[in-house]
Amino acid sequence: PDRARLTTVRLQLAKLRLVHGPLITRVSMFAEAVARPDEANRLKELRSSNVRLLQLATAHIGKWPIEAVEADWLGYRQATRELLRRWTNKIQLDGQLLDTLLKRPLS
């Protein structure tokens, strides 16, 4: 892999982590104002799962320094695909829940 491109991609992923985590926390806390009790529980789980995903992403970066990526490019690509798959699924599920709640009128 090209070290410069890999570093650029990793920085972009780090920015995503830094933006996504706090944004999900803020939006989900706002959405609790219109949430039913079962939805409020789902929002709490959403925040917890977000923390777990951020921990997985941090562990992924720790496991795959540039040297490890160069030594096992295929393994890195597979591990990164799995992490991104999980992240994409989470974003879709989060979006469905938040979209429903944020479109609900305030009482």
Protein backbone atom coordinates (compact mmCIF):
# COMPACT_ATOMS: atom_id res chain seq x y z
CA PRO A 1 0.00 0.00 0.00
CA ASP A 2 0.98 3.60 -0.60
CA ARG A 3 1.88 4.98 2.85
CA ALA A 4 0.72 8.51 2.06
CA ARG A 5 -2.69 7.37 0.78
CA LEU A 6 -3.11 4.97 3.68
CA THR A 7 -2.30 7.73 6.16
CA THR A 8 -4.79 10.06 4.44
CA VAL A 9 -7.56 7.45 4.61
CA ARG A 10 -6.79 6.72 8.26
CA LEU A 11 -6.98 10.44 9.08
CA GLN A 12 -10.32 10.68 7.30
CA LEU A 13 -11.64 7.76 9.35
CA ALA A 14 -10.35 9.39 12.53
CA LYS A 15 -12.22 12.59 11.63
CA LEU A 16 -15.35 10.54 11.04
CA ARG A 17 -14.99 9.00 14.51
CA LEU A 18 -14.48 12.41 16.09
CA VAL A 19 -17.55 13.89 14.40
CA HIS A 20 -19.94 10.92 14.45
CA GLY A 21 -19.64 10.05 18.13
CA PRO A 22 -20.47 13.46 19.63
CA LEU A 23 -23.11 14.13 16.97
CA ILE A 24 -24.96 10.90 17.68
CA THR A 25 -24.80 11.61 21.41
CA ARG A 26 -26.23 15.12 21.05
CA VAL A 27 -28.95 14.20 18.57
CA SER A 28 -30.04 11.15 20.55
CA MET A 29 -30.25 13.16 23.77
CA PHE A 30 -32.38 15.76 21.97
CA ALA A 31 -34.60 13.01 20.55
CA GLU A 32 -35.28 11.67 24.04
CA ALA A 33 -37.57 14.69 24.55
CA VAL A 34 -40.11 13.11 22.20
CA ALA A 35 -39.31 9.45 22.79
CA ARG A 36 -41.61 6.92 24.40
CA PRO A 37 -40.03 4.81 27.18
CA ASP A 38 -39.17 1.95 24.82
CA GLU A 39 -37.62 4.39 22.36
CA ALA A 40 -35.67 6.10 25.14
CA ASN A 41 -34.18 2.72 25.98
CA ARG A 42 -33.24 2.24 22.33
CA LEU A 43 -31.58 5.66 22.34
CA LYS A 44 -29.53 4.72 25.39
CA GLU A 45 -28.48 1.52 23.64
CA LEU A 46 -27.67 3.55 20.54
CA ARG A 47 -25.25 5.68 22.60
CA SER A 48 -23.74 2.60 24.27
CA SER A 49 -23.28 0.82 20.96
CA ASN A 50 -21.69 3.97 19.57
CA VAL A 51 -19.10 3.90 22.36
CA ARG A 52 -18.42 0.23 21.67
CA LEU A 53 -17.97 0.90 17.97
CA LEU A 54 -15.57 3.76 18.67
CA GLN A 55 -13.59 1.43 20.94
CA LEU A 56 -13.48 -1.18 18.15
CA ALA A 57 -12.24 1.45 15.71
CA THR A 58 -9.54 2.55 18.16
CA ALA A 59 -8.49 -1.06 18.70
CA HIS A 60 -8.40 -1.57 14.92
CA ILE A 61 -6.00 1.33 14.45
CA GLY A 62 -3.87 0.05 17.34
CA LYS A 63 -3.73 -3.43 15.86
CA TRP A 64 -2.85 -2.17 12.40
CA PRO A 65 0.07 0.27 12.46
CA ILE A 66 1.54 0.97 9.03
CA GLU A 67 4.13 -1.81 9.40
CA ALA A 68 1.45 -4.41 10.18
CA VAL A 69 -0.59 -3.23 7.20
CA GLU A 70 2.42 -3.64 4.94
CA ALA A 71 3.09 -7.10 6.35
CA ASP A 72 -0.51 -8.31 5.92
CA TRP A 73 -2.30 -6.12 3.41
CA LEU A 74 -5.06 -8.68 2.75
CA GLY A 75 -5.70 -9.17 6.47
CA TYR A 76 -5.87 -5.43 7.00
CA ARG A 77 -8.30 -5.00 4.12
CA GLN A 78 -10.54 -7.77 5.46
CA ALA A 79 -10.49 -6.36 9.01
CA THR A 80 -11.16 -2.84 7.72
CA ARG A 81 -14.04 -4.03 5.53
CA GLU A 82 -15.61 -5.74 8.55
CA LEU A 83 -15.26 -2.61 10.69
CA LEU A 84 -16.73 -0.41 7.96
CA ARG A 85 -19.58 -2.90 7.40
CA ARG A 86 -20.45 -2.73 11.09
CA TRP A 87 -20.19 1.04 11.07
CA THR A 88 -22.39 1.35 7.98
CA ASN A 89 -25.04 -0.95 9.46
CA LYS A 90 -25.00 1.04 12.69
CA ILE A 91 -25.36 4.35 10.88
CA GLN A 92 -28.36 3.00 8.97
CA LEU A 93 -30.07 1.71 12.13
CA ASP A 94 -29.28 4.89 14.05
CA GLY A 95 -30.66 6.96 11.19
CA GLN A 96 -33.92 5.03 11.08
CA LEU A 97 -34.55 5.51 14.79
CA LEU A 98 -33.49 9.14 14.88
CA ASP A 99 -35.37 10.03 11.73
CA THR A 100 -38.60 8.69 13.22
CA LEU A 101 -38.13 10.58 16.48
CA LEU A 102 -36.93 13.84 15.00
CA LYS A 103 -39.92 14.02 12.64
CA ARG A 104 -42.34 13.55 15.52
CA PRO A 105 -44.02 16.78 16.64
CA LEU A 106 -43.17 18.07 20.09
CA SER A 107 -46.12 17.85 22.47
